[in-house]
Amino acid sequence: MAATTGAAEGAASDSKGPISSIPSMDSPTIQYSMVLEHLVGEKRPIKELSPGVMGGLPVPPKSDEQKMLERGMESCAFKSVLACVGGFVLGGAFGVFTAGIDTNVGFDPKDPLRTPTAREVLKDMGQRGMSYAKNFAIVGAMFSCTECIIESHRGKSDWKNAVYSGCVTGGAIGFRAGLKAGVLGCGGFAAFSAAIEYYLR
C-alpha cells in the first residue's frame, strides 16, 4: 500500500514538471511583424552614414574660407576668366600651328619673289597666333558667361544651356556683320554646341 502511494506521488510530481515548464499564454510573445518593423519599417533607427562609421576616412568640417573659395570657383566670373585664359592659350597654339603649315607666311605681297627671312616668318606666326588667341579668348569668355547665367536662371544643368549659350554667342559675334550674319552665327553656334553636348553626354 505504501509502495503504491509513493508511486502515485512520484507520478504526480513527474506530471507537474513538464506542465510547469510550458509558458503560459499570458506571457508577451515576439511577433515577426514587429521585428520587421524595427528592422526595415518605420521604427527602424536612422544611422548617420559618415565615412568614419562606414570604414572610410573621416572628413573634417569645412571652414568658412573653404566655403568662400568654393563659392568663388563656382561663380560665373571665375568660370568666364578660366574659359578666357584657356581660349587664349588654345587659340594661340592653333594660330601658330596654322601659320606653320601655311606656305605663304612671311611673303610680301608687293614682292612675292623675295624669300622671307626667319625673323619675318616668326613675326608673321606670332601675329597670327595672337589674333587667334584673342578671338578664342573672347568666344570662350562669352560662351562660358552666358552658359553660367542661363544655367543659374533655369536651375537646370542639361544640354539646352549650351545650345542657348551658343546661339547668344554666335549671334552676338555675327551681328557685327549684319542681321543675316547674326542669325547664321546663332544657328551655327547652337548646332555646334548641341553636337558637342551630344558627344560628351
N, C-alpha and C. Protein backbone atom coordinates (compact mmCIF):
# COMPACT_ATOMS: atom_id res chain seq x y z
N MET A 1 0.84 -1.20 0.00
CA MET A 1 0.00 0.00 0.00
C MET A 1 0.86 1.24 0.00
N ALA A 2 1.93 1.20 0.84
CA ALA A 2 2.85 2.34 0.90
C ALA A 2 3.58 2.50 -0.40
N ALA A 3 3.93 1.38 -1.03
CA ALA A 3 4.63 1.47 -2.32
C ALA A 3 3.73 2.05 -3.38
N THR A 4 2.47 1.69 -3.29
CA THR A 4 1.53 2.25 -4.28
C THR A 4 1.37 3.74 -4.10
N THR A 5 1.28 4.17 -2.83
CA THR A 5 1.13 5.62 -2.57
C THR A 5 2.35 6.39 -3.04
N GLY A 6 3.56 5.83 -2.80
CA GLY A 6 4.79 6.51 -3.25
C GLY A 6 4.87 6.60 -4.75
N ALA A 7 4.47 5.54 -5.39
CA ALA A 7 4.48 5.56 -6.86
C ALA A 7 3.52 6.57 -7.41
N ALA A 8 2.33 6.69 -6.77
CA ALA A 8 1.35 7.69 -7.22
C ALA A 8 1.86 9.09 -7.04
N GLU A 9 2.52 9.36 -5.88
CA GLU A 9 3.06 10.69 -5.63
C GLU A 9 4.18 11.02 -6.62
N GLY A 10 5.03 10.00 -6.92
CA GLY A 10 6.11 10.24 -7.90
C GLY A 10 5.56 10.53 -9.27
N ALA A 11 4.51 9.81 -9.63
CA ALA A 11 3.89 10.07 -10.94
C ALA A 11 3.27 11.45 -11.00
N ALA A 12 2.67 11.86 -9.86
CA ALA A 12 2.07 13.21 -9.83
C ALA A 12 3.11 14.29 -9.95
N SER A 13 4.27 14.07 -9.26
CA SER A 13 5.33 15.09 -9.35
C SER A 13 5.93 15.12 -10.75
N ASP A 14 6.07 13.94 -11.39
CA ASP A 14 6.59 13.92 -12.76
C ASP A 14 5.63 14.58 -13.74
N SER A 15 4.36 14.42 -13.50
CA SER A 15 3.38 15.05 -14.41
C SER A 15 3.33 16.54 -14.24
N LYS A 16 3.65 17.06 -13.05
CA LYS A 16 3.64 18.52 -12.83
C LYS A 16 4.87 19.19 -13.44
N GLY A 17 6.00 18.43 -13.56
CA GLY A 17 7.24 19.04 -14.07
C GLY A 17 7.10 19.59 -15.47
N PRO A 18 6.72 18.84 -16.48
CA PRO A 18 6.60 19.37 -17.83
C PRO A 18 5.53 20.41 -17.96
N ILE A 19 4.46 20.28 -17.15
CA ILE A 19 3.39 21.27 -17.24
C ILE A 19 3.88 22.62 -16.75
N SER A 20 4.68 22.66 -15.71
CA SER A 20 5.16 23.94 -15.19
C SER A 20 6.19 24.58 -16.11
N SER A 21 6.91 23.76 -16.92
CA SER A 21 7.91 24.33 -17.83
C SER A 21 7.29 24.96 -19.06
N ILE A 22 6.05 24.67 -19.42
CA ILE A 22 5.39 25.26 -20.59
C ILE A 22 4.98 26.68 -20.24
N PRO A 23 5.37 27.72 -21.04
CA PRO A 23 4.98 29.10 -20.73
C PRO A 23 3.50 29.28 -20.90
N SER A 24 3.00 30.14 -20.07
CA SER A 24 1.57 30.42 -20.10
C SER A 24 1.24 31.34 -21.26
N MET A 25 0.00 31.35 -21.65
CA MET A 25 -0.45 32.19 -22.76
C MET A 25 -0.47 33.65 -22.40
N ASP A 26 -0.41 33.98 -21.08
CA ASP A 26 -0.44 35.38 -20.67
C ASP A 26 0.90 36.08 -20.86
N SER A 27 2.04 35.35 -21.04
CA SER A 27 3.36 35.98 -21.20
C SER A 27 3.45 36.63 -22.58
N PRO A 28 4.19 37.81 -22.71
CA PRO A 28 4.28 38.50 -24.01
C PRO A 28 5.09 37.70 -25.01
N THR A 29 4.64 37.70 -26.27
CA THR A 29 5.32 36.98 -27.35
C THR A 29 5.87 37.97 -28.37
N ILE A 30 6.96 37.61 -29.04
CA ILE A 30 7.59 38.44 -30.06
C ILE A 30 7.00 38.08 -31.41
N GLN A 31 6.39 39.09 -32.06
CA GLN A 31 5.78 38.85 -33.36
C GLN A 31 6.77 39.17 -34.48
N TYR A 32 6.65 38.42 -35.57
CA TYR A 32 7.57 38.60 -36.70
C TYR A 32 7.38 39.96 -37.37
N SER A 33 6.14 40.42 -37.39
CA SER A 33 5.87 41.73 -38.00
C SER A 33 6.51 42.86 -37.20
N MET A 34 6.54 42.72 -35.87
CA MET A 34 7.18 43.74 -35.05
C MET A 34 8.69 43.77 -35.28
N VAL A 35 9.29 42.62 -35.47
CA VAL A 35 10.73 42.57 -35.75
C VAL A 35 11.04 43.23 -37.09
N LEU A 36 10.22 42.93 -38.09
CA LEU A 36 10.43 43.55 -39.41
C LEU A 36 10.24 45.05 -39.36
N GLU A 37 9.30 45.51 -38.56
CA GLU A 37 9.05 46.94 -38.47
C GLU A 37 10.23 47.67 -37.85
N HIS A 38 10.93 47.03 -36.91
CA HIS A 38 12.11 47.64 -36.32
C HIS A 38 13.34 47.52 -37.21
N LEU A 39 13.34 46.54 -38.12
CA LEU A 39 14.49 46.35 -38.99
C LEU A 39 14.40 47.15 -40.27
N VAL A 40 13.26 47.07 -40.95
CA VAL A 40 13.10 47.74 -42.24
C VAL A 40 11.89 48.65 -42.29
N GLY A 41 11.13 48.75 -41.23
CA GLY A 41 9.92 49.55 -41.24
C GLY A 41 10.15 50.98 -40.78
N GLU A 42 9.06 51.60 -40.35
CA GLU A 42 9.12 53.00 -39.93
C GLU A 42 9.84 53.19 -38.60
N LYS A 43 9.89 52.15 -37.79
CA LYS A 43 10.56 52.26 -36.50
C LYS A 43 12.05 51.95 -36.57
N ARG A 44 12.57 51.78 -37.79
CA ARG A 44 13.99 51.49 -37.94
C ARG A 44 14.81 52.72 -37.57
N PRO A 45 15.79 52.61 -36.73
CA PRO A 45 16.60 53.77 -36.34
C PRO A 45 17.46 54.25 -37.49
N ILE A 46 17.52 55.54 -37.68
CA ILE A 46 18.29 56.15 -38.76
C ILE A 46 19.72 56.38 -38.26
N LYS A 47 20.67 55.79 -38.98
CA LYS A 47 22.07 55.93 -38.60
C LYS A 47 22.75 56.95 -39.51
N GLU A 48 23.68 57.65 -38.94
CA GLU A 48 24.43 58.65 -39.70
C GLU A 48 25.48 57.95 -40.54
N LEU A 49 25.39 58.11 -41.85
CA LEU A 49 26.30 57.45 -42.78
C LEU A 49 27.56 58.29 -42.97
N SER A 50 28.34 58.41 -41.95
CA SER A 50 29.59 59.15 -42.02
C SER A 50 30.69 58.22 -42.49
N PRO A 51 31.73 58.74 -43.16
CA PRO A 51 32.82 57.86 -43.62
C PRO A 51 33.52 57.13 -42.49
N GLY A 52 33.58 57.75 -41.28
CA GLY A 52 34.22 57.08 -40.18
C GLY A 52 33.47 55.84 -39.73
N VAL A 53 32.13 55.92 -39.75
CA VAL A 53 31.32 54.78 -39.36
C VAL A 53 31.37 53.69 -40.41
N MET A 54 31.41 54.08 -41.68
CA MET A 54 31.39 53.10 -42.77
C MET A 54 32.77 52.54 -43.09
N GLY A 55 33.76 52.93 -42.36
CA GLY A 55 35.09 52.37 -42.57
C GLY A 55 36.00 53.23 -43.41
N GLY A 56 35.55 54.40 -43.87
CA GLY A 56 36.40 55.27 -44.67
C GLY A 56 37.11 56.30 -43.81
N LEU A 57 37.76 57.22 -44.48
CA LEU A 57 38.47 58.27 -43.76
C LEU A 57 37.49 59.34 -43.32
N PRO A 58 37.59 59.82 -42.11
CA PRO A 58 36.68 60.87 -41.66
C PRO A 58 36.96 62.18 -42.38
N VAL A 59 35.90 62.89 -42.73
CA VAL A 59 36.01 64.17 -43.44
C VAL A 59 35.80 65.30 -42.44
N PRO A 60 36.79 66.14 -42.26
CA PRO A 60 36.62 67.24 -41.29
C PRO A 60 35.65 68.28 -41.84
N PRO A 61 34.97 69.00 -40.98
CA PRO A 61 34.04 70.03 -41.46
C PRO A 61 34.78 71.15 -42.18
N LYS A 62 34.12 71.70 -43.19
CA LYS A 62 34.73 72.76 -43.99
C LYS A 62 34.72 74.07 -43.24
N SER A 63 35.81 74.79 -43.37
CA SER A 63 35.91 76.10 -42.73
C SER A 63 35.23 77.16 -43.59
N ASP A 64 35.10 78.36 -43.04
CA ASP A 64 34.48 79.46 -43.79
C ASP A 64 35.31 79.85 -45.00
N GLU A 65 36.64 79.77 -44.88
CA GLU A 65 37.49 80.11 -46.01
C GLU A 65 37.32 79.11 -47.16
N GLN A 66 37.20 77.83 -46.81
CA GLN A 66 36.99 76.82 -47.85
C GLN A 66 35.64 77.00 -48.54
N LYS A 67 34.60 77.29 -47.76
CA LYS A 67 33.29 77.53 -48.36
C LYS A 67 33.31 78.75 -49.26
N MET A 68 34.01 79.81 -48.83
CA MET A 68 34.10 81.01 -49.65
C MET A 68 34.87 80.74 -50.93
N LEU A 69 35.93 79.93 -50.84
CA LEU A 69 36.70 79.59 -52.03
C LEU A 69 35.88 78.75 -53.00
N GLU A 70 35.08 77.84 -52.49
CA GLU A 70 34.22 77.03 -53.36
C GLU A 70 33.16 77.89 -54.04
N ARG A 71 32.58 78.82 -53.30
CA ARG A 71 31.60 79.72 -53.93
C ARG A 71 32.24 80.57 -55.01
N GLY A 72 33.48 81.01 -54.76
CA GLY A 72 34.17 81.81 -55.76
C GLY A 72 34.49 81.02 -57.01
N MET A 73 34.89 79.76 -56.84
CA MET A 73 35.22 78.93 -58.00
C MET A 73 33.98 78.52 -58.78
N GLU A 74 32.83 78.51 -58.14
CA GLU A 74 31.59 78.17 -58.83
C GLU A 74 30.88 79.39 -59.41
N SER A 75 31.43 80.58 -59.22
CA SER A 75 30.79 81.79 -59.72
C SER A 75 30.98 81.92 -61.23
N CYS A 76 30.11 82.71 -61.84
CA CYS A 76 30.19 82.90 -63.29
C CYS A 76 31.43 83.69 -63.69
N ALA A 77 31.88 84.62 -62.83
CA ALA A 77 33.06 85.41 -63.16
C ALA A 77 34.30 84.53 -63.24
N PHE A 78 34.45 83.62 -62.28
CA PHE A 78 35.62 82.73 -62.29
C PHE A 78 35.58 81.81 -63.51
N LYS A 79 34.41 81.27 -63.83
CA LYS A 79 34.29 80.40 -64.99
C LYS A 79 34.60 81.15 -66.28
N SER A 80 34.18 82.40 -66.36
CA SER A 80 34.46 83.19 -67.56
C SER A 80 35.95 83.48 -67.70
N VAL A 81 36.59 83.83 -66.59
CA VAL A 81 38.04 84.11 -66.65
C VAL A 81 38.81 82.84 -67.01
N LEU A 82 38.40 81.72 -66.44
CA LEU A 82 39.07 80.46 -66.75
C LEU A 82 38.90 80.09 -68.22
N ALA A 83 37.69 80.27 -68.75
CA ALA A 83 37.46 79.99 -70.17
C ALA A 83 38.22 80.96 -71.06
N CYS A 84 38.35 82.20 -70.62
CA CYS A 84 39.09 83.20 -71.40
C CYS A 84 40.57 82.82 -71.49
N VAL A 85 41.14 82.44 -70.35
CA VAL A 85 42.56 82.04 -70.35
C VAL A 85 42.77 80.78 -71.18
N GLY A 86 41.88 79.80 -71.00
CA GLY A 86 42.00 78.58 -71.79
C GLY A 86 41.85 78.83 -73.27
N GLY A 87 40.89 79.69 -73.65
CA GLY A 87 40.72 80.02 -75.05
C GLY A 87 41.90 80.77 -75.63
N PHE A 88 42.52 81.63 -74.81
CA PHE A 88 43.69 82.37 -75.27
C PHE A 88 44.84 81.42 -75.58
N VAL A 89 45.08 80.48 -74.68
CA VAL A 89 46.17 79.53 -74.89
C VAL A 89 45.88 78.61 -76.08
N LEU A 90 44.65 78.09 -76.15
CA LEU A 90 44.30 77.21 -77.25
C LEU A 90 44.32 77.94 -78.59
N GLY A 91 43.80 79.16 -78.61
CA GLY A 91 43.81 79.93 -79.85
C GLY A 91 45.20 80.28 -80.31
N GLY A 92 46.07 80.64 -79.36
CA GLY A 92 47.45 80.94 -79.74
C GLY A 92 48.16 79.73 -80.33
N ALA A 93 47.96 78.58 -79.71
CA ALA A 93 48.59 77.36 -80.23
C ALA A 93 48.03 77.01 -81.61
N PHE A 94 46.73 77.17 -81.78
CA PHE A 94 46.12 76.87 -83.08
C PHE A 94 46.60 77.84 -84.15
N GLY A 95 46.74 79.12 -83.78
CA GLY A 95 47.22 80.09 -84.76
C GLY A 95 48.65 79.84 -85.18
N VAL A 96 49.50 79.51 -84.25
CA VAL A 96 50.90 79.19 -84.59
C VAL A 96 50.97 77.94 -85.45
N PHE A 97 50.09 76.96 -85.14
CA PHE A 97 50.10 75.72 -85.94
C PHE A 97 49.66 75.99 -87.37
N THR A 98 48.60 76.75 -87.55
CA THR A 98 48.13 77.05 -88.91
C THR A 98 49.15 77.90 -89.68
N ALA A 99 49.84 78.78 -88.95
CA ALA A 99 50.87 79.59 -89.62
C ALA A 99 52.07 78.73 -90.01
N GLY A 100 52.31 77.68 -89.23
CA GLY A 100 53.46 76.83 -89.55
C GLY A 100 53.25 76.00 -90.80
N ILE A 101 52.00 75.65 -91.09
CA ILE A 101 51.73 74.83 -92.29
C ILE A 101 51.33 75.68 -93.50
N ASP A 102 51.25 76.99 -93.28
CA ASP A 102 50.90 77.89 -94.39
C ASP A 102 52.17 78.24 -95.15
N THR A 103 52.17 78.03 -96.45
CA THR A 103 53.36 78.30 -97.27
C THR A 103 53.53 79.77 -97.59
N ASN A 104 52.50 80.57 -97.34
CA ASN A 104 52.58 82.00 -97.67
C ASN A 104 52.97 82.87 -96.48
N VAL A 105 53.37 82.25 -95.39
CA VAL A 105 53.73 83.02 -94.19
C VAL A 105 55.04 83.77 -94.45
N GLY A 106 55.02 85.06 -94.19
CA GLY A 106 56.22 85.88 -94.30
C GLY A 106 56.45 86.47 -95.68
N PHE A 107 55.67 86.07 -96.66
CA PHE A 107 55.86 86.61 -98.01
C PHE A 107 55.25 87.99 -98.11
N ASP A 108 55.93 88.85 -98.81
CA ASP A 108 55.46 90.21 -99.05
C ASP A 108 54.63 90.22 -100.32
N PRO A 109 53.34 90.62 -100.25
CA PRO A 109 52.53 90.63 -101.49
C PRO A 109 53.06 91.58 -102.55
N LYS A 110 53.81 92.63 -102.14
CA LYS A 110 54.36 93.56 -103.13
C LYS A 110 55.55 92.96 -103.88
N ASP A 111 56.26 92.04 -103.21
CA ASP A 111 57.41 91.41 -103.84
C ASP A 111 57.36 89.91 -103.57
N PRO A 112 56.49 89.16 -104.27
CA PRO A 112 56.30 87.72 -103.97
C PRO A 112 57.51 86.87 -104.31
N LEU A 113 58.42 87.37 -105.10
CA LEU A 113 59.58 86.57 -105.49
C LEU A 113 60.68 86.60 -104.43
N ARG A 114 60.60 87.52 -103.48
CA ARG A 114 61.64 87.61 -102.46
C ARG A 114 61.42 86.57 -101.38
N THR A 115 62.45 85.89 -101.00
CA THR A 115 62.36 84.86 -99.96
C THR A 115 62.35 85.53 -98.59
N PRO A 116 61.35 85.23 -97.76
CA PRO A 116 61.29 85.89 -96.44
C PRO A 116 62.37 85.34 -95.50
N THR A 117 62.78 86.18 -94.60
CA THR A 117 63.77 85.77 -93.61
C THR A 117 63.08 85.04 -92.45
N ALA A 118 63.89 84.40 -91.62
CA ALA A 118 63.34 83.67 -90.48
C ALA A 118 62.67 84.63 -89.50
N ARG A 119 63.18 85.82 -89.35
CA ARG A 119 62.58 86.80 -88.45
C ARG A 119 61.20 87.21 -88.94
N GLU A 120 61.07 87.41 -90.25
CA GLU A 120 59.78 87.79 -90.81
C GLU A 120 58.76 86.65 -90.66
N VAL A 121 59.20 85.42 -90.83
CA VAL A 121 58.30 84.28 -90.67
C VAL A 121 57.83 84.16 -89.23
N LEU A 122 58.75 84.30 -88.28
CA LEU A 122 58.38 84.21 -86.86
C LEU A 122 57.46 85.37 -86.46
N LYS A 123 57.70 86.54 -87.02
CA LYS A 123 56.84 87.69 -86.72
C LYS A 123 55.43 87.46 -87.23
N ASP A 124 55.33 86.93 -88.44
CA ASP A 124 54.01 86.64 -89.01
C ASP A 124 53.30 85.55 -88.22
N MET A 125 54.03 84.53 -87.78
CA MET A 125 53.44 83.48 -86.98
C MET A 125 52.96 84.01 -85.63
N GLY A 126 53.74 84.90 -85.03
CA GLY A 126 53.33 85.49 -83.76
C GLY A 126 52.08 86.35 -83.90
N GLN A 127 52.00 87.12 -84.98
CA GLN A 127 50.82 87.96 -85.20
C GLN A 127 49.58 87.10 -85.42
N ARG A 128 49.72 86.05 -86.18
CA ARG A 128 48.57 85.18 -86.42
C ARG A 128 48.16 84.45 -85.15
N GLY A 129 49.14 84.00 -84.39
CA GLY A 129 48.82 83.33 -83.13
C GLY A 129 48.13 84.26 -82.14
N MET A 130 48.58 85.52 -82.07
CA MET A 130 47.94 86.48 -81.17
C MET A 130 46.53 86.80 -81.64
N SER A 131 46.31 86.89 -82.92
CA SER A 131 44.97 87.16 -83.43
C SER A 131 44.02 86.01 -83.09
N TYR A 132 44.46 84.78 -83.32
CA TYR A 132 43.64 83.62 -82.97
C TYR A 132 43.40 83.55 -81.47
N ALA A 133 44.42 83.87 -80.70
CA ALA A 133 44.30 83.80 -79.24
C ALA A 133 43.25 84.78 -78.73
N LYS A 134 43.24 86.00 -79.25
CA LYS A 134 42.24 86.99 -78.82
C LYS A 134 40.83 86.55 -79.19
N ASN A 135 40.66 86.04 -80.40
CA ASN A 135 39.33 85.61 -80.83
C ASN A 135 38.82 84.43 -79.99
N PHE A 136 39.68 83.46 -79.77
CA PHE A 136 39.28 82.31 -78.96
C PHE A 136 38.98 82.72 -77.52
N ALA A 137 39.75 83.66 -76.99
CA ALA A 137 39.52 84.11 -75.62
C ALA A 137 38.18 84.81 -75.49
N ILE A 138 37.84 85.65 -76.46
CA ILE A 138 36.56 86.36 -76.41
C ILE A 138 35.39 85.38 -76.54
N VAL A 139 35.50 84.45 -77.47
CA VAL A 139 34.43 83.48 -77.66
C VAL A 139 34.27 82.59 -76.42
N GLY A 140 35.38 82.14 -75.86
CA GLY A 140 35.32 81.29 -74.67
C GLY A 140 34.72 82.00 -73.48
N ALA A 141 35.10 83.26 -73.27
CA ALA A 141 34.55 84.02 -72.14
C ALA A 141 33.06 84.29 -72.32
N MET A 142 32.65 84.65 -73.54
CA MET A 142 31.24 84.92 -73.80
C MET A 142 30.41 83.65 -73.63
N PHE A 143 30.89 82.55 -74.18
CA PHE A 143 30.14 81.30 -74.09
C PHE A 143 30.01 80.83 -72.64
N SER A 144 31.10 80.87 -71.90
CA SER A 144 31.07 80.39 -70.52
C SER A 144 30.20 81.28 -69.65
N CYS A 145 30.28 82.59 -69.85
CA CYS A 145 29.49 83.52 -69.04
C CYS A 145 27.99 83.36 -69.32
N THR A 146 27.63 83.31 -70.58
CA THR A 146 26.20 83.17 -70.92
C THR A 146 25.65 81.81 -70.48
N GLU A 147 26.46 80.76 -70.60
CA GLU A 147 26.00 79.44 -70.17
C GLU A 147 25.78 79.41 -68.66
N CYS A 148 26.69 80.04 -67.91
CA CYS A 148 26.54 80.07 -66.45
C CYS A 148 25.30 80.87 -66.04
N ILE A 149 25.06 81.99 -66.71
CA ILE A 149 23.89 82.82 -66.38
C ILE A 149 22.60 82.08 -66.73
N ILE A 150 22.57 81.43 -67.89
CA ILE A 150 21.37 80.69 -68.29
C ILE A 150 21.13 79.51 -67.34
N GLU A 151 22.19 78.82 -66.96
CA GLU A 151 22.04 77.69 -66.03
C GLU A 151 21.55 78.15 -64.67
N SER A 152 22.04 79.30 -64.19
CA SER A 152 21.57 79.83 -62.91
C SER A 152 20.12 80.28 -63.00
N HIS A 153 19.73 80.82 -64.13
CA HIS A 153 18.35 81.29 -64.29
C HIS A 153 17.38 80.12 -64.43
N ARG A 154 17.76 79.08 -65.18
CA ARG A 154 16.87 77.93 -65.37
C ARG A 154 16.88 76.97 -64.19
N GLY A 155 17.99 76.93 -63.47
CA GLY A 155 18.09 75.99 -62.36
C GLY A 155 18.28 74.55 -62.80
N LYS A 156 18.75 74.35 -64.02
CA LYS A 156 18.97 73.02 -64.56
C LYS A 156 20.32 72.97 -65.26
N SER A 157 20.90 71.77 -65.27
CA SER A 157 22.18 71.57 -65.95
C SER A 157 21.98 70.49 -67.01
N ASP A 158 21.62 70.91 -68.21
CA ASP A 158 21.39 69.98 -69.30
C ASP A 158 21.96 70.55 -70.59
N TRP A 159 21.68 69.88 -71.71
CA TRP A 159 22.25 70.27 -72.98
C TRP A 159 21.65 71.56 -73.53
N LYS A 160 20.48 71.94 -73.04
CA LYS A 160 19.85 73.15 -73.55
C LYS A 160 20.63 74.41 -73.19
N ASN A 161 21.31 74.38 -72.04
CA ASN A 161 22.10 75.55 -71.65
C ASN A 161 23.19 75.85 -72.66
N ALA A 162 23.87 74.82 -73.13
CA ALA A 162 24.93 75.02 -74.12
C ALA A 162 24.37 75.49 -75.45
N VAL A 163 23.20 74.99 -75.82
CA VAL A 163 22.59 75.41 -77.09
C VAL A 163 22.18 76.87 -77.02
N TYR A 164 21.52 77.27 -75.94
CA TYR A 164 21.14 78.68 -75.79
C TYR A 164 22.36 79.58 -75.75
N SER A 165 23.38 79.14 -75.02
CA SER A 165 24.60 79.95 -74.93
C SER A 165 25.31 80.05 -76.27
N GLY A 166 25.33 78.95 -77.02
CA GLY A 166 25.94 79.01 -78.35
C GLY A 166 25.20 79.94 -79.28
N CYS A 167 23.88 79.95 -79.18
CA CYS A 167 23.10 80.86 -80.03
C CYS A 167 23.37 82.31 -79.68
N VAL A 168 23.41 82.62 -78.38
CA VAL A 168 23.68 84.00 -77.96
C VAL A 168 25.08 84.43 -78.38
N THR A 169 26.06 83.56 -78.16
CA THR A 169 27.44 83.90 -78.51
C THR A 169 27.61 84.08 -80.02
N GLY A 170 27.12 83.12 -80.79
CA GLY A 170 27.22 83.23 -82.24
C GLY A 170 26.47 84.42 -82.79
N GLY A 171 25.28 84.69 -82.22
CA GLY A 171 24.52 85.85 -82.68
C GLY A 171 25.21 87.16 -82.37
N ALA A 172 25.80 87.26 -81.17
CA ALA A 172 26.49 88.50 -80.79
C ALA A 172 27.72 88.74 -81.66
N ILE A 173 28.42 87.69 -82.01
CA ILE A 173 29.59 87.86 -82.88
C ILE A 173 29.17 88.15 -84.32
N GLY A 174 28.11 87.49 -84.78
CA GLY A 174 27.70 87.69 -86.17
C GLY A 174 26.99 88.99 -86.43
N PHE A 175 26.36 89.57 -85.40
CA PHE A 175 25.62 90.82 -85.60
C PHE A 175 26.52 91.99 -85.98
N ARG A 176 27.82 91.85 -85.76
CA ARG A 176 28.73 92.92 -86.17
C ARG A 176 28.79 93.05 -87.69
N ALA A 177 28.46 91.95 -88.37
CA ALA A 177 28.47 91.97 -89.84
C ALA A 177 27.07 92.10 -90.42
N GLY A 178 26.05 92.24 -89.60
CA GLY A 178 24.69 92.40 -90.08
C GLY A 178 23.73 91.38 -89.46
N LEU A 179 22.45 91.60 -89.75
CA LEU A 179 21.40 90.76 -89.19
C LEU A 179 21.48 89.33 -89.70
N LYS A 180 21.70 89.18 -91.01
CA LYS A 180 21.77 87.84 -91.59
C LYS A 180 22.93 87.04 -91.01
N ALA A 181 24.08 87.70 -90.87
CA ALA A 181 25.25 87.02 -90.30
C ALA A 181 24.99 86.67 -88.84
N GLY A 182 24.24 87.51 -88.12
CA GLY A 182 23.92 87.20 -86.74
C GLY A 182 23.03 85.98 -86.61
N VAL A 183 22.03 85.89 -87.48
CA VAL A 183 21.13 84.73 -87.45
C VAL A 183 21.90 83.45 -87.81
N LEU A 184 22.74 83.54 -88.84
CA LEU A 184 23.54 82.37 -89.22
C LEU A 184 24.52 81.98 -88.11
N GLY A 185 25.11 82.98 -87.48
CA GLY A 185 26.02 82.68 -86.38
C GLY A 185 25.32 82.04 -85.21
N CYS A 186 24.11 82.51 -84.91
CA CYS A 186 23.32 81.92 -83.82
C CYS A 186 23.00 80.46 -84.12
N GLY A 187 22.52 80.18 -85.33
CA GLY A 187 22.19 78.81 -85.68
C GLY A 187 23.40 77.91 -85.75
N GLY A 188 24.50 78.43 -86.30
CA GLY A 188 25.71 77.62 -86.43
C GLY A 188 26.32 77.28 -85.07
N PHE A 189 26.42 78.26 -84.20
CA PHE A 189 26.99 78.00 -82.87
C PHE A 189 26.07 77.10 -82.05
N ALA A 190 24.77 77.29 -82.19
CA ALA A 190 23.83 76.43 -81.45
C ALA A 190 23.93 74.98 -81.91
N ALA A 191 24.02 74.78 -83.22
CA ALA A 191 24.14 73.41 -83.73
C ALA A 191 25.47 72.78 -83.31
N PHE A 192 26.53 73.56 -83.36
CA PHE A 192 27.83 73.04 -82.94
C PHE A 192 27.84 72.70 -81.45
N SER A 193 27.23 73.55 -80.63
CA SER A 193 27.16 73.28 -79.19
C SER A 193 26.32 72.04 -78.91
N ALA A 194 25.21 71.89 -79.64
CA ALA A 194 24.37 70.71 -79.45
C ALA A 194 25.13 69.43 -79.82
N ALA A 195 25.91 69.49 -80.90
CA ALA A 195 26.68 68.31 -81.31
C ALA A 195 27.75 67.96 -80.27
N ILE A 196 28.40 68.98 -79.73
CA ILE A 196 29.43 68.73 -78.72
C ILE A 196 28.79 68.16 -77.45
N GLU A 197 27.66 68.73 -77.03
CA GLU A 197 27.00 68.22 -75.83
C GLU A 197 26.50 66.78 -76.03
N TYR A 198 25.99 66.48 -77.23
CA TYR A 198 25.54 65.12 -77.51
C TYR A 198 26.70 64.14 -77.48
N TYR A 199 27.84 64.57 -77.98
CA TYR A 199 29.01 63.68 -77.99
C TYR A 199 29.55 63.48 -76.58
N LEU A 200 29.58 64.54 -75.77
CA LEU A 200 30.12 64.44 -74.41
C LEU A 200 29.20 63.69 -73.48
N ARG A 201 27.91 63.85 -73.64
CA ARG A 201 26.95 63.22 -72.73
C ARG A 201 26.59 61.83 -73.20
